[in-house]
């Protein structure tokens, strides 16, 4: 199993896609790709989410596509069968972590407490999703965790926007930042793909600028 950080493409951004149909998912993903995004996470929160993963893989093969909101062994296997190239969960339990590991796909299980981080480390995992990031202490919490869990790197997600993105990207223990701010629900409903492309471009520019300054 490869580390998620080793396969991510493009800037250190992992936008979330929540779509009701495969056609909508492909349109969102294409808009993000046109804005410089190289990797996306399709969340399993809609009835057609698995079909959305397959459709993006087919129509935009240059894009790395993962599945989010993995909550069970069935979710993990179904996501892999649909073509997901990595898995992300919002939480961690021993059974869920093992189910995700059994797929042999790169993964980032969700944590928000030191105990959950310790559980993940016990199972050999050191790349974790920090969720919900803002409500769990934000960048200040990640700074505090860095001294204790020096081998762990995070993908913070939840409450992140263009305004606070740089706070997270600047942290040494952050390898990618996730979120939905580049595809606002209003833009999706109105099929304003140009806005999603522009927001993706802005986020990409900031991520690359911070990487060059590091």
Protein backbone atom coordinates (compact mmCIF):
# COMPACT_ATOMS: atom_id res chain seq x y z
CA UNK A 1 0.00 0.00 0.00
CA UNK A 2 1.39 3.37 -1.04
CA UNK A 3 1.18 6.40 1.22
CA UNK A 4 -1.53 8.82 0.12
CA UNK A 5 0.97 11.68 0.01
CA UNK A 6 3.03 9.74 -2.57
CA UNK A 7 0.20 9.47 -5.11
CA UNK A 8 -1.51 12.86 -4.76
CA UNK A 9 -1.34 14.93 -7.93
CA UNK A 10 -1.17 18.69 -8.36
CA UNK A 11 -1.01 21.21 -5.50
CA UNK A 12 -1.53 20.20 -1.85
CA UNK A 13 -5.31 20.44 -2.17
CA UNK A 14 -7.99 17.77 -1.98
CA UNK A 15 -11.36 19.31 -2.88
CA UNK A 16 -14.55 17.45 -2.02
CA UNK A 17 -17.15 16.60 -4.64
CA UNK A 18 -20.72 15.87 -3.59
CA UNK A 19 -22.88 15.24 -6.65
CA UNK A 20 -26.34 13.82 -7.30
CA UNK A 21 -25.56 12.44 -10.75
CA UNK A 22 -22.49 11.21 -12.64
CA UNK A 23 -22.96 14.00 -15.19
CA UNK A 24 -22.89 16.62 -12.44
CA UNK A 25 -19.85 14.98 -10.84
CA UNK A 26 -17.90 15.03 -14.09
CA UNK A 27 -18.79 18.69 -14.66
CA UNK A 28 -17.59 19.65 -11.16
CA UNK A 29 -14.43 17.58 -11.48
CA UNK A 30 -13.65 19.04 -14.90
CA UNK A 31 -14.13 22.58 -13.58
CA UNK A 32 -11.69 21.83 -10.76
CA UNK A 33 -9.21 20.20 -13.14
CA UNK A 34 -9.31 23.26 -15.40
CA UNK A 35 -8.42 25.33 -12.32
CA UNK A 36 -5.29 23.28 -11.62
CA UNK A 37 -6.62 20.68 -9.19
CA UNK A 38 -5.02 17.24 -9.56
CA UNK A 39 -6.80 15.15 -6.90
CA UNK A 40 -10.40 15.03 -5.67
CA UNK A 41 -12.43 13.23 -3.01
CA UNK A 42 -15.95 12.11 -3.94
CA UNK A 43 -17.98 11.76 -0.74
CA UNK A 44 -20.39 8.84 -0.38
CA UNK A 45 -23.28 11.05 0.68
CA UNK A 46 -25.55 10.67 -2.32
CA UNK A 47 -27.26 7.68 -3.91
CA UNK A 48 -25.13 7.88 -7.08
CA UNK A 49 -21.78 8.60 -5.42
CA UNK A 50 -20.17 5.34 -6.55
CA UNK A 51 -21.32 5.94 -10.12
CA UNK A 52 -19.86 9.43 -9.85
CA UNK A 53 -16.44 7.99 -8.99
CA UNK A 54 -16.53 5.66 -11.97
CA UNK A 55 -17.66 8.43 -14.30
CA UNK A 56 -14.88 10.81 -13.29
CA UNK A 57 -12.29 8.05 -13.69
CA UNK A 58 -13.61 7.37 -17.20
CA UNK A 59 -14.01 10.93 -18.43
CA UNK A 60 -11.06 12.64 -16.69
CA UNK A 61 -8.40 9.92 -16.33
CA UNK A 62 -5.74 12.55 -15.56
CA UNK A 63 -7.45 13.28 -12.23
CA UNK A 64 -6.72 11.22 -9.11
CA UNK A 65 -10.09 10.21 -7.61
CA UNK A 66 -10.70 8.99 -4.08
CA UNK A 67 -13.77 8.12 -2.03
CA UNK A 68 -14.70 9.91 1.17
CA UNK A 69 -17.19 9.28 3.99
CA UNK A 70 -16.13 5.64 4.23
CA UNK A 71 -18.03 4.29 7.25
CA UNK A 72 -17.95 0.51 6.86
CA UNK A 73 -16.27 -2.47 5.25
CA UNK A 74 -19.00 -2.48 2.61
CA UNK A 75 -18.29 1.19 1.80
CA UNK A 76 -14.57 0.53 1.47
CA UNK A 77 -15.00 -2.41 -0.88
CA UNK A 78 -17.72 -0.74 -2.95
CA UNK A 79 -15.54 2.35 -3.38
CA UNK A 80 -12.61 0.23 -4.55
CA UNK A 81 -14.86 -1.64 -6.98
CA UNK A 82 -16.11 1.70 -8.35
CA UNK A 83 -12.54 2.72 -9.16
CA UNK A 84 -11.57 4.84 -6.16
CA UNK A 85 -7.80 5.25 -5.99
CA UNK A 86 -7.71 6.09 -2.27
CA UNK A 87 -10.05 6.13 0.73
CA UNK A 88 -10.90 8.77 3.33
CA UNK A 89 -13.08 8.32 6.41
CA UNK A 90 -14.50 10.89 8.85
CA UNK A 91 -13.77 8.68 11.88
CA UNK A 92 -11.63 5.80 13.13
CA UNK A 93 -12.49 2.52 14.84
CA UNK A 94 -10.39 -0.66 14.82
CA UNK A 95 -12.86 -2.44 12.50
CA UNK A 96 -13.14 0.47 10.10
CA UNK A 97 -9.39 0.97 9.92
CA UNK A 98 -8.84 -2.73 9.23
CA UNK A 99 -11.53 -2.74 6.55
CA UNK A 100 -9.85 0.18 4.80
CA UNK A 101 -6.42 -1.41 5.12
CA UNK A 102 -7.77 -4.65 3.63
CA UNK A 103 -8.47 -2.86 0.33
CA UNK A 104 -4.74 -2.15 -0.02
CA UNK A 105 -5.60 1.37 -1.20
CA UNK A 106 -3.87 4.48 0.17
CA UNK A 107 -5.98 5.99 2.94
CA UNK A 108 -6.48 8.84 5.36
CA UNK A 109 -8.74 7.84 8.26
CA UNK A 110 -10.43 10.60 10.20
CA UNK A 111 -9.27 11.64 13.67
CA UNK A 112 -9.91 14.56 15.99
CA UNK A 113 -8.41 13.43 19.31
CA UNK A 114 -5.01 12.21 20.55
CA UNK A 115 -6.55 8.81 21.39
CA UNK A 116 -7.76 8.34 17.81
CA UNK A 117 -4.35 9.34 16.51
CA UNK A 118 -2.70 6.80 18.83
CA UNK A 119 -5.09 4.09 17.57
CA UNK A 120 -4.17 4.86 13.97
CA UNK A 121 -0.45 4.75 14.78
CA UNK A 122 -0.92 1.35 16.46
CA UNK A 123 -2.27 0.11 13.12
CA UNK A 124 0.67 1.51 11.19
CA UNK A 125 -1.04 4.64 9.88
CA UNK A 126 0.68 8.03 10.01
CA UNK A 127 -1.24 10.03 7.37
CA UNK A 128 -4.58 11.02 8.85
CA UNK A 129 -7.55 13.23 8.12
CA UNK A 130 -8.07 15.86 10.86
CA UNK A 131 -11.84 16.36 10.97
CA UNK A 132 -13.73 18.54 11.62
CA UNK A 133 -10.63 20.72 11.54
CA UNK A 134 -12.03 24.11 12.55
CA UNK A 135 -14.29 22.77 15.30
CA UNK A 136 -11.50 20.53 16.62
CA UNK A 137 -9.08 23.36 17.31
CA UNK A 138 -7.93 24.29 13.81
CA UNK A 139 -4.32 25.11 12.99
CA UNK A 140 -3.53 25.78 16.66
CA UNK A 141 -4.51 22.21 17.55
CA UNK A 142 -2.41 20.80 14.72
CA UNK A 143 0.57 22.80 15.97
CA UNK A 144 0.07 21.36 19.45
CA UNK A 145 -0.20 17.82 18.09
CA UNK A 146 2.99 18.19 16.05
CA UNK A 147 5.24 18.04 19.09
CA UNK A 148 3.59 14.89 20.45
CA UNK A 149 2.98 12.91 17.27
CA UNK A 150 6.07 13.87 15.33
CA UNK A 151 5.71 11.07 12.77
CA UNK A 152 2.11 11.95 11.83
CA UNK A 153 0.98 14.21 9.01
CA UNK A 154 -2.54 15.44 8.47
CA UNK A 155 -5.17 16.33 5.89
CA UNK A 156 -7.28 18.91 7.73
CA UNK A 157 -10.85 19.18 6.43
CA UNK A 158 -13.88 21.06 7.72
CA UNK A 159 -14.31 24.80 8.07
CA UNK A 160 -11.46 25.61 5.70
CA UNK A 161 -11.79 28.45 3.20
CA UNK A 162 -9.64 30.58 0.95
CA UNK A 163 -9.30 32.99 3.89
CA UNK A 164 -7.70 30.50 6.32
CA UNK A 165 -6.19 28.06 3.82
CA UNK A 166 -2.69 29.47 4.22
CA UNK A 167 -2.77 28.81 8.01
CA UNK A 168 -3.04 25.10 7.33
CA UNK A 169 -0.78 24.84 4.30
CA UNK A 170 2.02 26.52 6.25
CA UNK A 171 2.10 23.77 8.88
CA UNK A 172 4.91 21.21 8.65
CA UNK A 173 2.60 18.37 9.70
CA UNK A 174 0.02 19.04 6.95
CA UNK A 175 0.54 17.23 3.65
CA UNK A 176 -2.71 18.25 1.93
CA UNK A 177 -5.78 20.34 2.76
CA UNK A 178 -9.32 19.19 2.02
CA UNK A 179 -12.60 21.03 1.77
CA UNK A 180 -15.59 22.09 -0.27
CA UNK A 181 -14.99 25.83 -0.58
CA UNK A 182 -13.97 25.61 -4.25
CA UNK A 183 -17.35 24.08 -5.17
CA UNK A 184 -20.02 26.02 -3.26
CA UNK A 185 -23.45 24.37 -3.27
CA UNK A 186 -24.95 27.44 -4.96
CA UNK A 187 -22.46 27.21 -7.82
CA UNK A 188 -23.27 23.52 -8.31
CA UNK A 189 -27.03 24.15 -8.34
CA UNK A 190 -26.61 26.98 -10.82
CA UNK A 191 -24.08 24.97 -12.87
CA UNK A 192 -21.62 27.85 -12.57
CA UNK A 193 -18.64 25.76 -13.57
CA UNK A 194 -16.63 28.89 -14.38
CA UNK A 195 -16.83 30.00 -10.75
CA UNK A 196 -15.61 26.59 -9.54
CA UNK A 197 -12.70 26.81 -11.98
CA UNK A 198 -11.83 30.31 -10.75
CA UNK A 199 -12.02 29.32 -7.07
CA UNK A 200 -9.86 26.27 -7.83
CA UNK A 201 -7.37 28.48 -9.63
CA UNK A 202 -7.17 30.86 -6.66
CA UNK A 203 -6.61 28.01 -4.21
CA UNK A 204 -4.03 26.41 -6.48
CA UNK A 205 -2.12 29.67 -6.85
CA UNK A 206 -2.00 30.14 -3.07
CA UNK A 207 -0.87 26.55 -2.48
CA UNK A 208 1.91 26.82 -5.03
CA UNK A 209 3.00 30.20 -3.70
CA UNK A 210 3.31 28.85 -0.16
CA UNK A 211 5.18 25.77 -1.39
CA UNK A 212 7.74 27.95 -3.19
CA UNK A 213 8.17 30.12 -0.09
CA UNK A 214 8.73 27.12 2.19
